[in-house]
Amino acid sequence: MANLLKLHEAIAVVLLDKPDRTASIEEISQEIADRGLYFQKSGDIAPPGQIRLRTHPNTSAGKTYKHLFEFKEPDQVKLRNL
């Protein structure tokens, strides 16, 4: 099954429903899976590590999406106001 959303879009969808638009990477991963928002090519869910890579500003993917996400150590992600 093809994904309708890219991973960073799925992360944003989940965070829109959270208080203060903030959640842990584990919560985000689980909710993406529960809602069927995104699956890896292998069919597996996106693990928390993949969420971290897309949202942490010290990774190349995280730098790409730093306008969308604020990463708070140790594992909290906040959707920025756009």
PDB file of N, CA and C in Angstrom:
ATOM      1  N   MET A   1       0.834  -1.180   0.000  1.00  0.00           N
ATOM      2  CA  MET A   1       0.000   0.000   0.000  1.00  0.00           C
ATOM      3  C   MET A   1       0.880   1.245   0.000  1.00  0.00           C
ATOM      4  N   ALA A   2       0.567   2.184  -0.865  1.00  0.00           N
ATOM      5  CA  ALA A   2       1.345   3.411  -0.957  1.00  0.00           C
ATOM      6  C   ALA A   2       0.928   4.399   0.128  1.00  0.00           C
ATOM      7  N   ASN A   3       1.888   5.126   0.618  1.00  0.00           N
ATOM      8  CA  ASN A   3       1.619   6.151   1.624  1.00  0.00           C
ATOM      9  C   ASN A   3       0.998   7.374   0.973  1.00  0.00           C
ATOM     10  N   LEU A   4       0.010   7.933   1.608  1.00  0.00           N
ATOM     11  CA  LEU A   4      -0.569   9.185   1.148  1.00  0.00           C
ATOM     12  C   LEU A   4       0.225  10.376   1.665  1.00  0.00           C
ATOM     13  N   LEU A   5       0.909  10.172   2.791  1.00  0.00           N
ATOM     14  CA  LEU A   5       1.704  11.225   3.411  1.00  0.00           C
ATOM     15  C   LEU A   5       3.173  10.836   3.445  1.00  0.00           C
ATOM     16  N   LYS A   6       4.033  11.826   3.454  1.00  0.00           N
ATOM     17  CA  LYS A   6       5.447  11.601   3.731  1.00  0.00           C
ATOM     18  C   LYS A   6       5.601  11.577   5.245  1.00  0.00           C
ATOM     19  N   LEU A   7       6.709  11.055   5.732  1.00  0.00           N
ATOM     20  CA  LEU A   7       6.871  10.895   7.173  1.00  0.00           C
ATOM     21  C   LEU A   7       6.779  12.224   7.909  1.00  0.00           C
ATOM     22  N   HIS A   8       7.417  13.263   7.411  1.00  0.00           N
ATOM     23  CA  HIS A   8       7.353  14.543   8.113  1.00  0.00           C
ATOM     24  C   HIS A   8       5.921  15.093   8.150  1.00  0.00           C
ATOM     25  N   GLU A   9       5.135  14.805   7.136  1.00  0.00           N
ATOM     26  CA  GLU A   9       3.734  15.227   7.131  1.00  0.00           C
ATOM     27  C   GLU A   9       2.927  14.443   8.164  1.00  0.00           C
ATOM     28  N   ALA A  10       3.191  13.148   8.263  1.00  0.00           N
ATOM     29  CA  ALA A  10       2.504  12.312   9.254  1.00  0.00           C
ATOM     30  C   ALA A  10       2.837  12.779  10.671  1.00  0.00           C
ATOM     31  N   ILE A  11       4.091  13.142  10.911  1.00  0.00           N
ATOM     32  CA  ILE A  11       4.500  13.660  12.219  1.00  0.00           C
ATOM     33  C   ILE A  11       3.700  14.925  12.536  1.00  0.00           C
ATOM     34  N   ALA A  12       3.603  15.820  11.562  1.00  0.00           N
ATOM     35  CA  ALA A  12       2.871  17.068  11.769  1.00  0.00           C
ATOM     36  C   ALA A  12       1.390  16.808  12.050  1.00  0.00           C
ATOM     37  N   VAL A  13       0.778  15.869  11.348  1.00  0.00           N
ATOM     38  CA  VAL A  13      -0.634  15.533  11.574  1.00  0.00           C
ATOM     39  C   VAL A  13      -0.845  15.069  13.006  1.00  0.00           C
ATOM     40  N   VAL A  14       0.035  14.214  13.496  1.00  0.00           N
ATOM     41  CA  VAL A  14      -0.082  13.726  14.874  1.00  0.00           C
ATOM     42  C   VAL A  14       0.076  14.872  15.864  1.00  0.00           C
ATOM     43  N   LEU A  15       1.058  15.724  15.654  1.00  0.00           N
ATOM     44  CA  LEU A  15       1.321  16.810  16.599  1.00  0.00           C
ATOM     45  C   LEU A  15       0.214  17.859  16.623  1.00  0.00           C
ATOM     46  N   LEU A  16      -0.504  18.010  15.538  1.00  0.00           N
ATOM     47  CA  LEU A  16      -1.608  18.975  15.513  1.00  0.00           C
ATOM     48  C   LEU A  16      -2.677  18.648  16.553  1.00  0.00           C
ATOM     49  N   ASP A  17      -2.833  17.378  16.889  1.00  0.00           N
ATOM     50  CA  ASP A  17      -3.848  16.939  17.842  1.00  0.00           C
ATOM     51  C   ASP A  17      -3.360  16.885  19.292  1.00  0.00           C
ATOM     52  N   LYS A  18      -2.102  17.194  19.521  1.00  0.00           N
ATOM     53  CA  LYS A  18      -1.521  17.071  20.865  1.00  0.00           C
ATOM     54  C   LYS A  18      -1.553  18.400  21.609  1.00  0.00           C
ATOM     55  N   PRO A  19      -1.704  18.327  22.950  1.00  0.00           N
ATOM     56  CA  PRO A  19      -1.614  19.560  23.743  1.00  0.00           C
ATOM     57  C   PRO A  19      -0.265  20.240  23.505  1.00  0.00           C
ATOM     58  N   ASP A  20      -0.300  21.521  23.296  1.00  0.00           N
ATOM     59  CA  ASP A  20       0.911  22.309  23.015  1.00  0.00           C
ATOM     60  C   ASP A  20       1.646  21.819  21.774  1.00  0.00           C
ATOM     61  N   ARG A  21       0.982  20.987  20.954  1.00  0.00           N
ATOM     62  CA  ARG A  21       1.591  20.437  19.729  1.00  0.00           C
ATOM     63  C   ARG A  21       2.917  19.749  20.016  1.00  0.00           C
ATOM     64  N   THR A  22       2.982  19.048  21.148  1.00  0.00           N
ATOM     65  CA  THR A  22       4.204  18.398  21.597  1.00  0.00           C
ATOM     66  C   THR A  22       3.926  16.956  21.992  1.00  0.00           C
ATOM     67  N   ALA A  23       4.857  16.044  21.642  1.00  0.00           N
ATOM     68  CA  ALA A  23       4.743  14.636  22.023  1.00  0.00           C
ATOM     69  C   ALA A  23       6.126  14.011  21.972  1.00  0.00           C
ATOM     70  N   SER A  24       6.260  12.851  22.616  1.00  0.00           N
ATOM     71  CA  SER A  24       7.537  12.126  22.564  1.00  0.00           C
ATOM     72  C   SER A  24       7.642  11.403  21.227  1.00  0.00           C
ATOM     73  N   ILE A  25       8.865  11.065  20.850  1.00  0.00           N
ATOM     74  CA  ILE A  25       9.052  10.356  19.586  1.00  0.00           C
ATOM     75  C   ILE A  25       8.374   8.987  19.624  1.00  0.00           C
ATOM     76  N   GLU A  26       8.311   8.364  20.802  1.00  0.00           N
ATOM     77  CA  GLU A  26       7.630   7.072  20.927  1.00  0.00           C
ATOM     78  C   GLU A  26       6.125   7.227  20.692  1.00  0.00           C
ATOM     79  N   GLU A  27       5.529   8.269  21.292  1.00  0.00           N
ATOM     80  CA  GLU A  27       4.098   8.532  21.093  1.00  0.00           C
ATOM     81  C   GLU A  27       3.793   8.800  19.629  1.00  0.00           C
ATOM     82  N   ILE A  28       4.623   9.591  18.997  1.00  0.00           N
ATOM     83  CA  ILE A  28       4.420   9.940  17.592  1.00  0.00           C
ATOM     84  C   ILE A  28       4.486   8.681  16.733  1.00  0.00           C
ATOM     85  N   SER A  29       5.500   7.852  16.942  1.00  0.00           N
ATOM     86  CA  SER A  29       5.659   6.619  16.183  1.00  0.00           C
ATOM     87  C   SER A  29       4.438   5.718  16.332  1.00  0.00           C
ATOM     88  N   GLN A  30       3.982   5.536  17.563  1.00  0.00           N
ATOM     89  CA  GLN A  30       2.854   4.663  17.816  1.00  0.00           C
ATOM     90  C   GLN A  30       1.567   5.201  17.198  1.00  0.00           C
ATOM     91  N   GLU A  31       1.357   6.496  17.311  1.00  0.00           N
ATOM     92  CA  GLU A  31       0.123   7.065  16.761  1.00  0.00           C
ATOM     93  C   GLU A  31       0.126   7.041  15.237  1.00  0.00           C
ATOM     94  N   ILE A  32       1.264   7.267  14.630  1.00  0.00           N
ATOM     95  CA  ILE A  32       1.356   7.151  13.171  1.00  0.00           C
ATOM     96  C   ILE A  32       0.972   5.742  12.744  1.00  0.00           C
ATOM     97  N   ALA A  33       1.472   4.739  13.463  1.00  0.00           N
ATOM     98  CA  ALA A  33       1.148   3.343  13.155  1.00  0.00           C
ATOM     99  C   ALA A  33      -0.328   3.051  13.404  1.00  0.00           C
ATOM    100  N   ASP A  34      -0.846   3.487  14.564  1.00  0.00           N
ATOM    101  CA  ASP A  34      -2.247   3.227  14.918  1.00  0.00           C
ATOM    102  C   ASP A  34      -3.208   3.836  13.905  1.00  0.00           C
ATOM    103  N   ARG A  35      -2.850   5.001  13.395  1.00  0.00           N
ATOM    104  CA  ARG A  35      -3.719   5.698  12.454  1.00  0.00           C
ATOM    105  C   ARG A  35      -3.429   5.330  11.002  1.00  0.00           C
ATOM    106  N   GLY A  36      -2.382   4.525  10.781  1.00  0.00           N
ATOM    107  CA  GLY A  36      -2.035   4.101   9.427  1.00  0.00           C
ATOM    108  C   GLY A  36      -1.598   5.248   8.528  1.00  0.00           C
ATOM    109  N   LEU A  37      -0.905   6.223   9.119  1.00  0.00           N
ATOM    110  CA  LEU A  37      -0.517   7.406   8.365  1.00  0.00           C
ATOM    111  C   LEU A  37       0.719   7.204   7.493  1.00  0.00           C
ATOM    112  N   TYR A  38       1.606   6.306   7.906  1.00  0.00           N
ATOM    113  CA  TYR A  38       2.860   6.121   7.165  1.00  0.00           C
ATOM    114  C   TYR A  38       3.449   4.759   7.505  1.00  0.00           C
ATOM    115  N   PHE A  39       3.959   4.072   6.486  1.00  0.00           N
ATOM    116  CA  PHE A  39       4.680   2.814   6.666  1.00  0.00           C
ATOM    117  C   PHE A  39       5.942   2.852   5.819  1.00  0.00           C
ATOM    118  N   GLN A  40       6.984   2.218   6.303  1.00  0.00           N
ATOM    119  CA  GLN A  40       8.220   2.120   5.539  1.00  0.00           C
ATOM    120  C   GLN A  40       7.982   1.234   4.316  1.00  0.00           C
ATOM    121  N   LYS A  41       8.888   1.271   3.357  1.00  0.00           N
ATOM    122  CA  LYS A  41       8.748   0.453   2.148  1.00  0.00           C
ATOM    123  C   LYS A  41       8.600  -1.028   2.473  1.00  0.00           C
ATOM    124  N   SER A  42       9.205  -1.451   3.575  1.00  0.00           N
ATOM    125  CA  SER A  42       9.132  -2.857   3.986  1.00  0.00           C
ATOM    126  C   SER A  42       7.767  -3.209   4.570  1.00  0.00           C
ATOM    127  N   GLY A  43       6.938  -2.183   4.824  1.00  0.00           N
ATOM    128  CA  GLY A  43       5.639  -2.399   5.445  1.00  0.00           C
ATOM    129  C   GLY A  43       5.642  -2.207   6.947  1.00  0.00           C
ATOM    130  N   ASP A  44       6.841  -2.026   7.508  1.00  0.00           N
ATOM    131  CA  ASP A  44       6.963  -1.806   8.949  1.00  0.00           C
ATOM    132  C   ASP A  44       6.561  -0.380   9.319  1.00  0.00           C
ATOM    133  N   ILE A  45       6.259  -0.200  10.606  1.00  0.00           N
ATOM    134  CA  ILE A  45       5.976   1.151  11.083  1.00  0.00           C
ATOM    135  C   ILE A  45       7.275   1.944  11.136  1.00  0.00           C
ATOM    136  N   ALA A  46       7.140   3.255  11.149  1.00  0.00           N
ATOM    137  CA  ALA A  46       8.316   4.112  11.311  1.00  0.00           C
ATOM    138  C   ALA A  46       8.731   4.067  12.783  1.00  0.00           C
ATOM    139  N   PRO A  47       9.904   3.539  13.088  1.00  0.00           N
ATOM    140  CA  PRO A  47      10.324   3.432  14.487  1.00  0.00           C
ATOM    141  C   PRO A  47      10.673   4.807  15.068  1.00  0.00           C
ATOM    142  N   PRO A  48      10.701   4.896  16.402  1.00  0.00           N
ATOM    143  CA  PRO A  48      11.042   6.174  17.037  1.00  0.00           C
ATOM    144  C   PRO A  48      12.366   6.763  16.533  1.00  0.00           C
ATOM    145  N   GLY A  49      13.329   5.920  16.228  1.00  0.00           N
ATOM    146  CA  GLY A  49      14.607   6.416  15.712  1.00  0.00           C
ATOM    147  C   GLY A  49      14.453   7.171  14.406  1.00  0.00           C
ATOM    148  N   GLN A  50      13.536   6.742  13.569  1.00  0.00           N
ATOM    149  CA  GLN A  50      13.287   7.426  12.302  1.00  0.00           C
ATOM    150  C   GLN A  50      12.620   8.784  12.553  1.00  0.00           C
ATOM    151  N   ILE A  51      11.742   8.826  13.539  1.00  0.00           N
ATOM    152  CA  ILE A  51      11.107  10.096  13.913  1.00  0.00           C
ATOM    153  C   ILE A  51      12.176  11.066  14.407  1.00  0.00           C
ATOM    154  N   ARG A  52      13.090  10.546  15.229  1.00  0.00           N
ATOM    155  CA  ARG A  52      14.183  11.375  15.751  1.00  0.00           C
ATOM    156  C   ARG A  52      15.036  11.932  14.611  1.00  0.00           C
ATOM    157  N   LEU A  53      15.367  11.096  13.629  1.00  0.00           N
ATOM    158  CA  LEU A  53      16.186  11.551  12.505  1.00  0.00           C
ATOM    159  C   LEU A  53      15.517  12.681  11.729  1.00  0.00           C
ATOM    160  N   ARG A  54      14.208  12.621  11.583  1.00  0.00           N
ATOM    161  CA  ARG A  54      13.478  13.647  10.822  1.00  0.00           C
ATOM    162  C   ARG A  54      13.260  14.935  11.599  1.00  0.00           C
ATOM    163  N   THR A  55      13.387  14.884  12.911  1.00  0.00           N
ATOM    164  CA  THR A  55      13.051  16.061  13.712  1.00  0.00           C
ATOM    165  C   THR A  55      14.228  16.679  14.453  1.00  0.00           C
ATOM    166  N   HIS A  56      15.312  15.953  14.610  1.00  0.00           N
ATOM    167  CA  HIS A  56      16.465  16.459  15.371  1.00  0.00           C
ATOM    168  C   HIS A  56      17.302  17.373  14.474  1.00  0.00           C
ATOM    169  N   PRO A  57      17.606  18.585  14.938  1.00  0.00           N
ATOM    170  CA  PRO A  57      18.313  19.554  14.091  1.00  0.00           C
ATOM    171  C   PRO A  57      19.757  19.194  13.772  1.00  0.00           C
ATOM    172  N   ASN A  58      20.339  18.217  14.447  1.00  0.00           N
ATOM    173  CA  ASN A  58      21.728  17.839  14.181  1.00  0.00           C
ATOM    174  C   ASN A  58      21.848  16.709  13.170  1.00  0.00           C
ATOM    175  N   THR A  59      20.772  16.355  12.501  1.00  0.00           N
ATOM    176  CA  THR A  59      20.826  15.360  11.429  1.00  0.00           C
ATOM    177  C   THR A  59      20.511  16.060  10.111  1.00  0.00           C
ATOM    178  N   SER A  60      20.942  15.484   9.002  1.00  0.00           N
ATOM    179  CA  SER A  60      20.688  16.143   7.716  1.00  0.00           C
ATOM    180  C   SER A  60      19.197  16.260   7.433  1.00  0.00           C
ATOM    181  N   ALA A  61      18.416  15.218   7.730  1.00  0.00           N
ATOM    182  CA  ALA A  61      16.965  15.296   7.524  1.00  0.00           C
ATOM    183  C   ALA A  61      16.338  16.290   8.494  1.00  0.00           C
ATOM    184  N   GLY A  62      16.823  16.313   9.719  1.00  0.00           N
ATOM    185  CA  GLY A  62      16.309  17.246  10.712  1.00  0.00           C
ATOM    186  C   GLY A  62      16.550  18.690  10.315  1.00  0.00           C
ATOM    187  N   LYS A  63      17.697  18.954   9.691  1.00  0.00           N
ATOM    188  CA  LYS A  63      17.982  20.307   9.219  1.00  0.00           C
ATOM    189  C   LYS A  63      16.998  20.715   8.135  1.00  0.00           C
ATOM    190  N   THR A  64      16.591  19.759   7.322  1.00  0.00           N
ATOM    191  CA  THR A  64      15.631  20.030   6.259  1.00  0.00           C
ATOM    192  C   THR A  64      14.284  20.470   6.825  1.00  0.00           C
ATOM    193  N   TYR A  65      13.905  19.897   7.965  1.00  0.00           N
ATOM    194  CA  TYR A  65      12.582  20.162   8.529  1.00  0.00           C
ATOM    195  C   TYR A  65      12.617  21.023   9.794  1.00  0.00           C
ATOM    196  N   LYS A  66      13.724  21.737  10.023  1.00  0.00           N
ATOM    197  CA  LYS A  66      13.827  22.548  11.236  1.00  0.00           C
ATOM    198  C   LYS A  66      12.808  23.683  11.264  1.00  0.00           C
ATOM    199  N   HIS A  67      12.284  24.063  10.119  1.00  0.00           N
ATOM    200  CA  HIS A  67      11.240  25.084  10.091  1.00  0.00           C
ATOM    201  C   HIS A  67       9.899  24.528  10.590  1.00  0.00           C
ATOM    202  N   LEU A  68       9.757  23.184  10.618  1.00  0.00           N
ATOM    203  CA  LEU A  68       8.523  22.538  11.069  1.00  0.00           C
ATOM    204  C   LEU A  68       8.571  22.090  12.520  1.00  0.00           C
ATOM    205  N   PHE A  69       9.738  21.598  12.951  1.00  0.00           N
ATOM    206  CA  PHE A  69       9.821  20.943  14.249  1.00  0.00           C
ATOM    207  C   PHE A  69      10.881  21.556  15.150  1.00  0.00           C
ATOM    208  N   GLU A  70      10.569  21.572  16.428  1.00  0.00           N
ATOM    209  CA  GLU A  70      11.530  21.942  17.463  1.00  0.00           C
ATOM    210  C   GLU A  70      11.763  20.684  18.290  1.00  0.00           C
ATOM    211  N   PHE A  71      13.005  20.254  18.404  1.00  0.00           N
ATOM    212  CA  PHE A  71      13.338  19.052  19.168  1.00  0.00           C
ATOM    213  C   PHE A  71      13.782  19.467  20.548  1.00  0.00           C
ATOM    214  N   LYS A  72      13.154  18.873  21.557  1.00  0.00           N
ATOM    215  CA  LYS A  72      13.507  19.149  22.949  1.00  0.00           C
ATOM    216  C   LYS A  72      14.045  17.866  23.560  1.00  0.00           C
ATOM    217  N   GLU A  73      15.274  17.907  24.033  1.00  0.00           N
ATOM    218  CA  GLU A  73      15.888  16.728  24.640  1.00  0.00           C
ATOM    219  C   GLU A  73      15.113  16.297  25.868  1.00  0.00           C
ATOM    220  N   PRO A  74      14.999  15.006  26.176  1.00  0.00           N
ATOM    221  CA  PRO A  74      15.689  13.952  25.451  1.00  0.00           C
ATOM    222  C   PRO A  74      14.919  13.433  24.239  1.00  0.00           C
ATOM    223  N   ASP A  75      13.584  13.540  24.209  1.00  0.00           N
ATOM    224  CA  ASP A  75      12.885  12.926  23.073  1.00  0.00           C
ATOM    225  C   ASP A  75      11.530  13.556  22.774  1.00  0.00           C
ATOM    226  N   GLN A  76      11.408  14.846  23.013  1.00  0.00           N
ATOM    227  CA  GLN A  76      10.153  15.538  22.765  1.00  0.00           C
ATOM    228  C   GLN A  76      10.245  16.343  21.470  1.00  0.00           C
ATOM    229  N   VAL A  77       9.153  16.332  20.708  1.00  0.00           N
ATOM    230  CA  VAL A  77       9.104  17.084  19.461  1.00  0.00           C
ATOM    231  C   VAL A  77       7.907  18.028  19.532  1.00  0.00           C
ATOM    232  N   LYS A  78       8.133  19.257  19.125  1.00  0.00           N
ATOM    233  CA  LYS A  78       7.058  20.257  19.087  1.00  0.00           C
ATOM    234  C   LYS A  78       6.903  20.749  17.666  1.00  0.00           C
ATOM    235  N   LEU A  79       5.640  20.855  17.228  1.00  0.00           N
ATOM    236  CA  LEU A  79       5.355  21.430  15.915  1.00  0.00           C
ATOM    237  C   LEU A  79       5.430  22.942  16.049  1.00  0.00           C
ATOM    238  N   ARG A  80       6.240  23.561  15.214  1.00  0.00           N
ATOM    239  CA  ARG A  80       6.379  25.022  15.270  1.00  0.00           C
ATOM    240  C   ARG A  80       5.113  25.673  14.718  1.00  0.00           C
ATOM    241  N   ASN A  81       4.837  26.873  15.187  1.00  0.00           N
ATOM    242  CA  ASN A  81       3.744  27.665  14.616  1.00  0.00           C
ATOM    243  C   ASN A  81       4.177  28.161  13.250  1.00  0.00           C
ATOM    244  N   LEU A  82       3.354  27.930  12.286  1.00  0.00           N
ATOM    245  CA  LEU A  82       3.728  28.309  10.917  1.00  0.00           C
ATOM    246  C   LEU A  82       3.056  29.574  10.470  1.00  0.00           C
TER     247      LEU A  82
END
